[in-house]
Amino acid sequence: MSIQAMSYGLTHVDPAHYNGWDGRDGCWGCVKDVERFTAVVLEAVQCGHHIRLLEEQATKRAYKDSLFALAARATDPTARLTILYGSGHGSNTPDLNGDERDGFDETKCLFDGEIIDDAIWSILATFPPDHDIIMVSDTCASGTPFRAGPPRPNNTLNQAEDMKANIIHMGGCHDAGSSEGERDGGVFTKALCGIFANTSHLSNVELFAATYRTVRAAGYTQRPSFSGAGPNPWKLWMKGAFKDE
């Protein structure tokens, strides 16, 4: 089962958990994003195990449980790569533990509430050593929606040395930015999948760079972001895009 994956897509959220806001404006194509990413990327790399969370299925509990399940499966020696994809709303919330230099944690807006980057980081830290993780986030505030901030004085929570897996993350924008959404899907996802489908020889970092250029050349204001974490994230940079070797 060399490659495993989880994806989620939300065109709306439960207003009972968002002070009456239902999130329907701007995320019209997020389920289509999941379908596109699945058909173009996951099927091409022959993903052997895929968890999909769509609309009301994409709760905080389901998201966390799915990550823990993938971490458990990653202990199998034949599981070498986990791909995590998400399309929906993203946001920021005041940092309460002092690990963010800008004073804000990034969040993913799931159906029944937001999950902060610290919580995602703590689950990713349960993946085994040397396992590879590629994350793609087509959401607002998607610069680092998966990680705790860098070490700060007197802060012992979620430090970089806690991460045993190698992670790279491709986001539709920076932490303070917005990712454009259209009726047929997100600008970032459409660009990334279009390039991947037509250029099989690119590495992960080359695919991101080409996606960045395509988004910017089309006149969109968002600036896609690329980051990494773990002991050796750079080893994933030059691997074939979304490939396990």
Protein backbone atom coordinates (compact mmCIF):
# COMPACT_ATOMS: atom_id res chain seq x y z
CA MET A 1 0.00 0.00 0.00
CA SER A 2 2.80 2.37 -0.93
CA ILE A 3 0.66 5.55 -1.10
CA GLN A 4 -2.28 6.45 1.13
CA ALA A 5 -4.34 9.63 1.20
CA MET A 6 -7.04 11.69 2.84
CA SER A 7 -8.99 14.49 1.18
CA TYR A 8 -11.78 16.76 2.30
CA GLY A 9 -14.00 19.29 0.58
CA LEU A 10 -16.60 21.67 1.99
CA THR A 11 -18.89 24.06 0.10
CA HIS A 12 -20.55 25.11 3.36
CA VAL A 13 -20.32 24.76 7.13
CA ASP A 14 -22.79 24.39 9.98
CA PRO A 15 -23.89 27.92 10.95
CA ALA A 16 -24.62 26.70 14.48
CA HIS A 17 -20.84 26.47 14.99
CA TYR A 18 -19.93 29.71 13.18
CA ASN A 19 -22.19 32.35 14.72
CA GLY A 20 -24.76 32.01 11.95
CA TRP A 21 -22.29 32.02 9.03
CA ASP A 22 -22.80 29.10 6.61
CA GLY A 23 -19.69 29.60 4.47
CA ARG A 24 -21.51 29.18 1.16
CA ASP A 25 -20.03 32.27 -0.44
CA GLY A 26 -16.70 31.55 -2.14
CA CYS A 27 -16.40 27.77 -1.79
CA TRP A 28 -18.77 26.69 -4.54
CA GLY A 29 -16.28 24.33 -6.19
CA CYS A 30 -14.55 22.68 -3.23
CA VAL A 31 -16.13 19.25 -3.70
CA LYS A 32 -15.21 19.48 -7.38
CA ASP A 33 -11.65 20.20 -6.23
CA VAL A 34 -11.56 16.89 -4.35
CA GLU A 35 -12.97 15.07 -7.35
CA ARG A 36 -10.41 16.70 -9.64
CA PHE A 37 -7.45 16.02 -7.33
CA THR A 38 -8.57 12.41 -6.93
CA ALA A 39 -8.96 11.79 -10.65
CA VAL A 40 -5.85 13.66 -11.78
CA VAL A 41 -3.33 13.02 -8.99
CA LEU A 42 -4.36 10.13 -6.75
CA GLU A 43 -5.42 7.83 -9.55
CA ALA A 44 -2.27 8.64 -11.54
CA VAL A 45 0.02 7.68 -8.64
CA GLN A 46 -2.09 4.59 -7.89
CA CYS A 47 -3.06 5.57 -4.37
CA GLY A 48 -3.96 2.36 -2.56
CA HIS A 49 -6.02 3.74 0.34
CA HIS A 50 -8.05 6.94 0.22
CA ILE A 51 -10.28 8.48 2.90
CA ARG A 52 -12.68 11.13 1.53
CA LEU A 53 -14.60 13.52 3.75
CA LEU A 54 -17.16 15.61 1.88
CA GLU A 55 -19.53 18.26 3.22
CA GLU A 56 -21.16 17.14 6.51
CA GLN A 57 -18.72 14.21 6.76
CA ALA A 58 -15.81 16.61 7.25
CA THR A 59 -16.19 17.18 10.99
CA LYS A 60 -13.35 17.91 13.38
CA ARG A 61 -13.63 14.43 14.87
CA ALA A 62 -13.67 12.72 11.48
CA TYR A 63 -10.66 14.73 10.34
CA LYS A 64 -8.63 13.89 13.45
CA ASP A 65 -9.69 10.23 13.47
CA SER A 66 -8.71 9.91 9.81
CA LEU A 67 -5.27 11.39 10.46
CA PHE A 68 -4.70 9.02 13.39
CA ALA A 69 -5.82 6.08 11.23
CA LEU A 70 -3.35 7.03 8.50
CA ALA A 71 -0.59 7.41 11.10
CA ALA A 72 -1.31 3.87 12.31
CA ARG A 73 -1.26 2.51 8.75
CA ALA A 74 2.02 4.35 8.11
CA THR A 75 3.81 1.97 10.48
CA ASP A 76 3.49 -0.70 7.77
CA PRO A 77 6.90 -0.83 6.01
CA THR A 78 5.15 -0.80 2.63
CA ALA A 79 3.48 2.55 3.38
CA ARG A 80 5.96 5.19 2.27
CA LEU A 81 3.90 8.27 1.42
CA THR A 82 0.78 9.98 2.77
CA ILE A 83 -0.97 12.66 0.69
CA LEU A 84 -3.31 15.07 2.47
CA TYR A 85 -5.54 17.36 0.40
CA GLY A 86 -8.11 19.91 1.54
CA SER A 87 -10.38 22.47 -0.09
CA GLY A 88 -12.65 24.81 1.83
CA HIS A 89 -12.46 27.85 4.04
CA GLY A 90 -9.44 28.65 6.20
CA SER A 91 -8.87 31.33 8.79
CA ASN A 92 -6.76 32.61 11.68
CA THR A 93 -7.39 32.70 15.41
CA PRO A 94 -5.40 34.34 18.23
CA ASP A 95 -2.46 32.20 19.34
CA LEU A 96 -2.93 31.13 22.94
CA ASN A 97 0.33 29.28 23.65
CA GLY A 98 2.88 31.78 22.32
CA ASP A 99 4.29 29.64 19.49
CA GLU A 100 3.36 31.93 16.57
CA ARG A 101 5.51 34.95 15.72
CA ASP A 102 2.59 36.77 14.13
CA GLY A 103 0.33 36.06 17.12
CA PHE A 104 -2.14 33.90 15.18
CA ASP A 105 -2.74 30.20 14.66
CA GLU A 106 -3.94 29.15 11.23
CA THR A 107 -7.11 27.05 11.02
CA LYS A 108 -9.03 24.78 8.72
CA CYS A 109 -12.77 25.47 8.79
CA LEU A 110 -14.39 22.05 9.07
CA PHE A 111 -18.13 21.45 9.11
CA ASP A 112 -18.63 21.74 12.86
CA GLY A 113 -15.84 24.14 13.77
CA GLU A 114 -12.24 25.16 13.20
CA ILE A 115 -9.19 22.99 13.86
CA ILE A 116 -5.98 24.88 14.60
CA ASP A 117 -2.56 24.15 13.17
CA ASP A 118 -1.20 23.10 16.60
CA ALA A 119 -3.75 20.26 16.77
CA ILE A 120 -2.87 19.06 13.28
CA TRP A 121 0.84 19.23 14.09
CA SER A 122 0.39 17.08 17.20
CA ILE A 123 -1.26 14.32 15.14
CA LEU A 124 1.30 14.50 12.34
CA ALA A 125 3.94 14.04 15.04
CA THR A 126 2.58 10.51 15.59
CA PHE A 127 3.62 9.39 12.08
CA PRO A 128 6.68 7.10 12.14
CA PRO A 129 10.25 8.21 11.43
CA ASP A 130 11.22 8.84 7.81
CA HIS A 131 7.64 8.61 6.55
CA ASP A 132 6.88 11.16 3.83
CA ILE A 133 3.84 13.46 3.94
CA ILE A 134 2.73 15.83 1.19
CA MET A 135 -0.01 18.29 2.11
CA VAL A 136 -1.98 20.48 -0.29
CA SER A 137 -4.31 23.14 1.11
CA ASP A 138 -6.56 25.18 -1.18
CA THR A 139 -7.95 27.43 1.53
CA CYS A 140 -7.47 30.95 2.81
CA ALA A 141 -4.68 31.35 5.39
CA SER A 142 -2.90 28.32 3.91
CA GLY A 143 0.73 29.28 4.36
CA THR A 144 1.31 26.99 7.37
CA PRO A 145 -2.08 25.53 8.39
CA PHE A 146 -0.44 22.30 9.55
CA ARG A 147 2.33 23.29 11.89
CA ALA A 148 3.14 24.88 15.17
CA GLY A 149 5.35 27.92 15.05
CA PRO A 150 9.14 27.87 15.44
CA PRO A 151 10.65 27.42 18.91
CA ARG A 152 10.19 30.43 21.19
CA PRO A 153 11.68 31.12 24.63
CA ASN A 154 9.84 29.31 27.44
CA ASN A 155 7.69 27.41 24.93
CA THR A 156 7.89 23.62 25.01
CA LEU A 157 4.79 22.85 22.94
CA ASN A 158 5.00 21.22 19.51
CA GLN A 159 8.62 21.98 18.82
CA ALA A 160 10.22 21.06 15.50
CA GLU A 161 12.17 18.19 17.04
CA ASP A 162 8.90 16.44 17.87
CA MET A 163 8.27 15.76 14.17
CA LYS A 164 9.67 12.43 12.96
CA ALA A 165 8.10 12.38 9.50
CA ASN A 166 9.22 14.54 6.58
CA ILE A 167 6.57 17.02 5.40
CA ILE A 168 6.17 19.41 2.51
CA HIS A 169 3.15 21.65 2.19
CA MET A 170 1.77 23.47 -0.85
CA GLY A 171 -0.77 26.17 -0.03
CA GLY A 172 -2.99 28.32 -2.20
CA CYS A 173 -1.81 31.48 -0.44
CA HIS A 174 0.15 32.78 2.57
CA ASP A 175 -1.04 32.77 6.18
CA ALA A 176 -2.53 36.24 5.85
CA GLY A 177 -3.85 35.69 2.32
CA SER A 178 -6.90 34.45 0.45
CA SER A 179 -7.27 31.61 -2.06
CA GLU A 180 -9.60 32.35 -4.95
CA GLY A 181 -12.51 30.00 -5.55
CA GLU A 182 -14.61 29.70 -8.70
CA ARG A 183 -17.76 27.75 -9.59
CA ASP A 184 -15.76 24.89 -11.06
CA GLY A 185 -13.08 24.77 -8.36
CA GLY A 186 -10.22 26.60 -6.69
CA VAL A 187 -7.74 28.54 -8.81
CA PHE A 188 -4.77 26.86 -7.10
CA THR A 189 -6.12 23.31 -7.44
CA LYS A 190 -7.08 23.76 -11.08
CA ALA A 191 -3.63 25.10 -11.93
CA LEU A 192 -1.79 22.39 -10.00
CA CYS A 193 -3.84 19.54 -11.47
CA GLY A 194 -3.61 20.95 -14.98
CA ILE A 195 0.17 21.11 -14.84
CA PHE A 196 0.49 17.68 -13.18
CA ALA A 197 -1.70 16.08 -15.86
CA ASN A 198 0.43 17.42 -18.70
CA THR A 199 3.98 17.19 -17.30
CA SER A 200 4.79 13.84 -15.72
CA HIS A 201 8.51 14.53 -15.23
CA LEU A 202 8.31 17.36 -12.66
CA SER A 203 9.54 17.13 -9.09
CA ASN A 204 7.39 18.34 -6.19
CA VAL A 205 9.13 21.71 -5.99
CA GLU A 206 9.06 22.11 -9.79
CA LEU A 207 5.33 21.36 -9.84
CA PHE A 208 4.76 23.97 -7.16
CA ALA A 209 6.90 26.56 -8.95
CA ALA A 210 5.02 26.00 -12.22
CA THR A 211 1.70 26.27 -10.37
CA TYR A 212 2.80 29.51 -8.70
CA ARG A 213 3.78 31.01 -12.06
CA THR A 214 0.50 29.93 -13.65
CA VAL A 215 -1.63 31.46 -10.88
CA ARG A 216 0.29 34.73 -10.89
CA ALA A 217 0.40 34.98 -14.69
CA ALA A 218 -3.39 34.65 -14.79
CA GLY A 219 -3.66 37.87 -12.78
CA TYR A 220 -4.81 36.50 -9.44
CA THR A 221 -3.56 38.34 -6.35
CA GLN A 222 -3.00 35.22 -4.23
CA ARG A 223 0.56 34.05 -3.71
CA PRO A 224 0.82 30.26 -3.30
CA SER A 225 3.20 29.08 -0.58
CA PHE A 226 5.63 26.20 -0.15
CA SER A 227 7.03 25.03 3.19
CA GLY A 228 8.41 21.98 4.96
CA ALA A 229 8.98 20.40 8.34
CA GLY A 230 10.61 17.38 9.93
CA PRO A 231 14.18 16.03 9.87
CA ASN A 232 14.72 16.01 6.08
CA PRO A 233 11.87 17.73 4.23
CA TRP A 234 14.17 18.81 1.40
CA LYS A 235 14.50 15.19 0.27
CA LEU A 236 10.89 15.46 -0.90
CA TRP A 237 11.56 18.58 -2.94
CA MET A 238 13.23 16.76 -5.81
CA LYS A 239 11.23 13.55 -5.71
CA GLY A 240 8.80 13.07 -8.58
CA ALA A 241 5.58 14.97 -7.90
CA PHE A 242 3.35 12.98 -5.53
CA LYS A 243 5.46 9.88 -6.06
CA ASP A 244 6.86 7.63 -3.33
CA GLU A 245 10.32 7.28 -4.84
